[in-house]
């Protein structure tokens, strides 16, 4: 599985550690930046990752910022992206099972061991394919308001 990862300036070190962790688990990881600690405009990197997921350049995405909120809002502006801001393993599982989320947004303040568990749960959980969940995803995807 090919995983895209991006961050803002708060997520540089977390990106590095998660990338190494994912490679050790056998994932192919593509970093969409940035790579320096200089302050950046997070929407730029959110859009890069979102477009990579939307175009199927990568299968799934992980994005990191101070809270995870801003990057999730920006990612969700990209057509075909369902990004969920997640705080724990249960939320990571539910967003895959029920929402077929393809990007996970996390905050940089979570402990690394917890982040790793959240990411693994997200990547290893399959969409349920239940009709009611697919119907709701379709409603979201077809909204043009």
C-alpha atoms as a PDB file:
ATOM      1  CA  UNK A   1       0.000   0.000   0.000  1.00  0.00           C
ATOM      2  CA  UNK A   2       1.245   3.477  -0.885  1.00  0.00           C
ATOM      3  CA  UNK A   3       0.788   6.094   1.852  1.00  0.00           C
ATOM      4  CA  UNK A   4       1.089   9.859   1.412  1.00  0.00           C
ATOM      5  CA  UNK A   5       2.145  11.946   4.390  1.00  0.00           C
ATOM      6  CA  UNK A   6       2.252  15.715   4.863  1.00  0.00           C
ATOM      7  CA  UNK A   7       2.373  18.213   7.690  1.00  0.00           C
ATOM      8  CA  UNK A   8       2.806  21.818   8.669  1.00  0.00           C
ATOM      9  CA  UNK A   9       5.820  23.122  10.589  1.00  0.00           C
ATOM     10  CA  UNK A  10       4.517  21.541  13.812  1.00  0.00           C
ATOM     11  CA  UNK A  11       4.652  18.060  12.308  1.00  0.00           C
ATOM     12  CA  UNK A  12       8.178  17.818  10.869  1.00  0.00           C
ATOM     13  CA  UNK A  13       9.644  15.474  13.486  1.00  0.00           C
ATOM     14  CA  UNK A  14       6.439  13.441  13.778  1.00  0.00           C
ATOM     15  CA  UNK A  15       6.392  13.010   9.992  1.00  0.00           C
ATOM     16  CA  UNK A  16       9.958  11.659  10.084  1.00  0.00           C
ATOM     17  CA  UNK A  17       9.226   9.223  12.885  1.00  0.00           C
ATOM     18  CA  UNK A  18       5.928   8.024  11.395  1.00  0.00           C
ATOM     19  CA  UNK A  19       7.525   7.635   7.966  1.00  0.00           C
ATOM     20  CA  UNK A  20      10.255   5.393   9.397  1.00  0.00           C
ATOM     21  CA  UNK A  21       7.665   3.435  11.383  1.00  0.00           C
ATOM     22  CA  UNK A  22       5.481   2.893   8.301  1.00  0.00           C
ATOM     23  CA  UNK A  23       8.434   1.831   6.156  1.00  0.00           C
ATOM     24  CA  UNK A  24       9.368  -0.713   8.851  1.00  0.00           C
ATOM     25  CA  UNK A  25       5.808  -2.059   8.604  1.00  0.00           C
ATOM     26  CA  UNK A  26       6.253  -2.492   4.848  1.00  0.00           C
ATOM     27  CA  UNK A  27       4.377   0.535   3.516  1.00  0.00           C
ATOM     28  CA  UNK A  28       5.634   2.633   0.623  1.00  0.00           C
ATOM     29  CA  UNK A  29       5.586   6.235   1.895  1.00  0.00           C
ATOM     30  CA  UNK A  30       5.648   9.442  -0.149  1.00  0.00           C
ATOM     31  CA  UNK A  31       6.323  12.691   1.731  1.00  0.00           C
ATOM     32  CA  UNK A  32       4.471  15.761   0.450  1.00  0.00           C
ATOM     33  CA  UNK A  33       6.355  18.088   2.801  1.00  0.00           C
ATOM     34  CA  UNK A  34       7.370  20.459   4.035  1.00  0.00           C
ATOM     35  CA  UNK A  35      10.785  19.395   5.295  1.00  0.00           C
ATOM     36  CA  UNK A  36      11.889  22.440   7.303  1.00  0.00           C
ATOM     37  CA  UNK A  37      10.658  23.898  10.579  1.00  0.00           C
ATOM     38  CA  UNK A  38       9.986  27.296   8.996  1.00  0.00           C
ATOM     39  CA  UNK A  39       6.339  28.375   9.365  1.00  0.00           C
ATOM     40  CA  UNK A  40       4.240  27.379   6.350  1.00  0.00           C
ATOM     41  CA  UNK A  41       0.711  27.820   5.075  1.00  0.00           C
ATOM     42  CA  UNK A  42      -0.729  24.376   5.828  1.00  0.00           C
ATOM     43  CA  UNK A  43      -3.396  24.467   3.070  1.00  0.00           C
ATOM     44  CA  UNK A  44      -0.648  24.158   0.440  1.00  0.00           C
ATOM     45  CA  UNK A  45       0.455  20.794   1.837  1.00  0.00           C
ATOM     46  CA  UNK A  46      -3.097  19.698   2.581  1.00  0.00           C
ATOM     47  CA  UNK A  47      -4.018  20.261  -1.060  1.00  0.00           C
ATOM     48  CA  UNK A  48      -0.897  18.412  -2.288  1.00  0.00           C
ATOM     49  CA  UNK A  49      -1.772  15.384  -0.191  1.00  0.00           C
ATOM     50  CA  UNK A  50      -5.477  15.600  -1.012  1.00  0.00           C
ATOM     51  CA  UNK A  51      -4.776  15.731  -4.743  1.00  0.00           C
ATOM     52  CA  UNK A  52      -2.430  12.740  -4.471  1.00  0.00           C
ATOM     53  CA  UNK A  53      -5.147  10.715  -2.727  1.00  0.00           C
ATOM     54  CA  UNK A  54      -7.888  11.926  -5.082  1.00  0.00           C
ATOM     55  CA  UNK A  55      -5.832  11.044  -8.186  1.00  0.00           C
ATOM     56  CA  UNK A  56      -4.897   7.635  -6.699  1.00  0.00           C
ATOM     57  CA  UNK A  57      -1.190   8.524  -6.730  1.00  0.00           C
ATOM     58  CA  UNK A  58      -1.335   7.156  -3.177  1.00  0.00           C
ATOM     59  CA  UNK A  59      -3.895   4.873  -1.557  1.00  0.00           C
ATOM     60  CA  UNK A  60      -4.284   6.675   1.765  1.00  0.00           C
ATOM     61  CA  UNK A  61      -3.003   9.811   3.460  1.00  0.00           C
ATOM     62  CA  UNK A  62      -1.800  11.025   6.835  1.00  0.00           C
ATOM     63  CA  UNK A  63      -1.595  14.732   7.657  1.00  0.00           C
ATOM     64  CA  UNK A  64      -0.254  16.379  10.789  1.00  0.00           C
ATOM     65  CA  UNK A  65      -0.573  19.877  12.224  1.00  0.00           C
ATOM     66  CA  UNK A  66      -0.663  21.358  15.695  1.00  0.00           C
ATOM     67  CA  UNK A  67      -4.322  20.428  16.250  1.00  0.00           C
ATOM     68  CA  UNK A  68      -5.164  18.442  13.099  1.00  0.00           C
ATOM     69  CA  UNK A  69      -8.186  20.672  12.543  1.00  0.00           C
ATOM     70  CA  UNK A  70      -6.956  23.140   9.920  1.00  0.00           C
ATOM     71  CA  UNK A  71      -5.370  20.497   7.717  1.00  0.00           C
ATOM     72  CA  UNK A  72      -8.512  18.363   7.831  1.00  0.00           C
ATOM     73  CA  UNK A  73     -10.653  21.300   6.720  1.00  0.00           C
ATOM     74  CA  UNK A  74      -8.255  22.047   3.863  1.00  0.00           C
ATOM     75  CA  UNK A  75      -7.967  18.409   2.735  1.00  0.00           C
ATOM     76  CA  UNK A  76     -11.737  18.115   2.575  1.00  0.00           C
ATOM     77  CA  UNK A  77     -11.839  20.890  -0.040  1.00  0.00           C
ATOM     78  CA  UNK A  78     -10.287  18.433  -2.534  1.00  0.00           C
ATOM     79  CA  UNK A  79     -12.900  16.501  -4.503  1.00  0.00           C
ATOM     80  CA  UNK A  80     -12.841  12.818  -3.626  1.00  0.00           C
ATOM     81  CA  UNK A  81     -11.189  13.292  -0.244  1.00  0.00           C
ATOM     82  CA  UNK A  82     -12.789  12.222   2.992  1.00  0.00           C
ATOM     83  CA  UNK A  83     -10.421  13.411   5.698  1.00  0.00           C
ATOM     84  CA  UNK A  84     -11.194  12.800   9.354  1.00  0.00           C
ATOM     85  CA  UNK A  85      -9.560  14.531  12.296  1.00  0.00           C
ATOM     86  CA  UNK A  86      -8.946  11.681  14.725  1.00  0.00           C
ATOM     87  CA  UNK A  87      -7.909  11.605  18.399  1.00  0.00           C
ATOM     88  CA  UNK A  88      -7.893   7.903  19.249  1.00  0.00           C
ATOM     89  CA  UNK A  89      -7.981   4.359  17.879  1.00  0.00           C
ATOM     90  CA  UNK A  90     -11.762   4.046  18.133  1.00  0.00           C
ATOM     91  CA  UNK A  91     -12.273   7.155  15.976  1.00  0.00           C
ATOM     92  CA  UNK A  92      -9.688   5.855  13.481  1.00  0.00           C
ATOM     93  CA  UNK A  93     -11.581   2.575  13.199  1.00  0.00           C
ATOM     94  CA  UNK A  94     -15.000   4.210  12.929  1.00  0.00           C
ATOM     95  CA  UNK A  95     -13.959   6.682  10.233  1.00  0.00           C
ATOM     96  CA  UNK A  96     -12.774   3.790   8.068  1.00  0.00           C
ATOM     97  CA  UNK A  97     -15.679   1.439   8.836  1.00  0.00           C
ATOM     98  CA  UNK A  98     -18.463   3.999   8.432  1.00  0.00           C
ATOM     99  CA  UNK A  99     -17.041   6.869   6.342  1.00  0.00           C
ATOM    100  CA  UNK A 100     -14.408   5.152   4.184  1.00  0.00           C
ATOM    101  CA  UNK A 101     -12.088   8.057   5.066  1.00  0.00           C
ATOM    102  CA  UNK A 102      -8.989   8.129   2.894  1.00  0.00           C
ATOM    103  CA  UNK A 103      -6.958  10.688   4.871  1.00  0.00           C
ATOM    104  CA  UNK A 104      -6.438  10.876   8.605  1.00  0.00           C
ATOM    105  CA  UNK A 105      -5.576  14.179  10.290  1.00  0.00           C
ATOM    106  CA  UNK A 106      -3.850  14.128  13.650  1.00  0.00           C
ATOM    107  CA  UNK A 107      -2.575  16.715  16.075  1.00  0.00           C
ATOM    108  CA  UNK A 108       1.099  16.985  16.928  1.00  0.00           C
ATOM    109  CA  UNK A 109       0.425  16.932  20.675  1.00  0.00           C
ATOM    110  CA  UNK A 110      -0.585  13.290  20.833  1.00  0.00           C
ATOM    111  CA  UNK A 111       2.095  10.969  22.258  1.00  0.00           C
ATOM    112  CA  UNK A 112       4.032   9.117  19.543  1.00  0.00           C
ATOM    113  CA  UNK A 113       3.049   5.657  20.773  1.00  0.00           C
ATOM    114  CA  UNK A 114      -0.624   6.664  20.635  1.00  0.00           C
ATOM    115  CA  UNK A 115      -0.145   8.162  17.156  1.00  0.00           C
ATOM    116  CA  UNK A 116       1.357   4.914  15.912  1.00  0.00           C
ATOM    117  CA  UNK A 117      -1.595   2.907  17.250  1.00  0.00           C
ATOM    118  CA  UNK A 118      -4.061   5.349  15.664  1.00  0.00           C
ATOM    119  CA  UNK A 119      -2.303   5.212  12.294  1.00  0.00           C
ATOM    120  CA  UNK A 120      -2.110   1.406  12.276  1.00  0.00           C
ATOM    121  CA  UNK A 121      -5.793   1.113  13.177  1.00  0.00           C
ATOM    122  CA  UNK A 122      -6.696   3.558  10.375  1.00  0.00           C
ATOM    123  CA  UNK A 123      -4.600   1.783   7.751  1.00  0.00           C
ATOM    124  CA  UNK A 124      -5.655  -1.731   8.706  1.00  0.00           C
ATOM    125  CA  UNK A 125      -9.402  -1.128   8.974  1.00  0.00           C
ATOM    126  CA  UNK A 126     -11.448  -1.751   5.844  1.00  0.00           C
ATOM    127  CA  UNK A 127     -14.652   0.076   4.905  1.00  0.00           C
ATOM    128  CA  UNK A 128     -17.675  -1.949   6.006  1.00  0.00           C
ATOM    129  CA  UNK A 129     -19.411  -1.649   2.604  1.00  0.00           C
ATOM    130  CA  UNK A 130     -22.736  -1.570   4.428  1.00  0.00           C
ATOM    131  CA  UNK A 131     -25.434  -0.037   2.261  1.00  0.00           C
ATOM    132  CA  UNK A 132     -26.415   2.590   4.839  1.00  0.00           C
ATOM    133  CA  UNK A 133     -22.832   3.856   5.099  1.00  0.00           C
ATOM    134  CA  UNK A 134     -22.321   3.889   1.334  1.00  0.00           C
ATOM    135  CA  UNK A 135     -25.612   5.750   0.927  1.00  0.00           C
ATOM    136  CA  UNK A 136     -24.435   8.446   3.342  1.00  0.00           C
ATOM    137  CA  UNK A 137     -21.063   8.755   1.599  1.00  0.00           C
ATOM    138  CA  UNK A 138     -22.893   9.112  -1.721  1.00  0.00           C
ATOM    139  CA  UNK A 139     -25.067  11.875  -0.255  1.00  0.00           C
ATOM    140  CA  UNK A 140     -21.939  13.734   0.813  1.00  0.00           C
ATOM    141  CA  UNK A 141     -20.177  13.169  -2.507  1.00  0.00           C
ATOM    142  CA  UNK A 142     -23.180  14.324  -4.528  1.00  0.00           C
ATOM    143  CA  UNK A 143     -23.831  17.497  -2.547  1.00  0.00           C
ATOM    144  CA  UNK A 144     -23.340  20.575  -4.726  1.00  0.00           C
ATOM    145  CA  UNK A 145     -24.701  23.313  -2.468  1.00  0.00           C
END
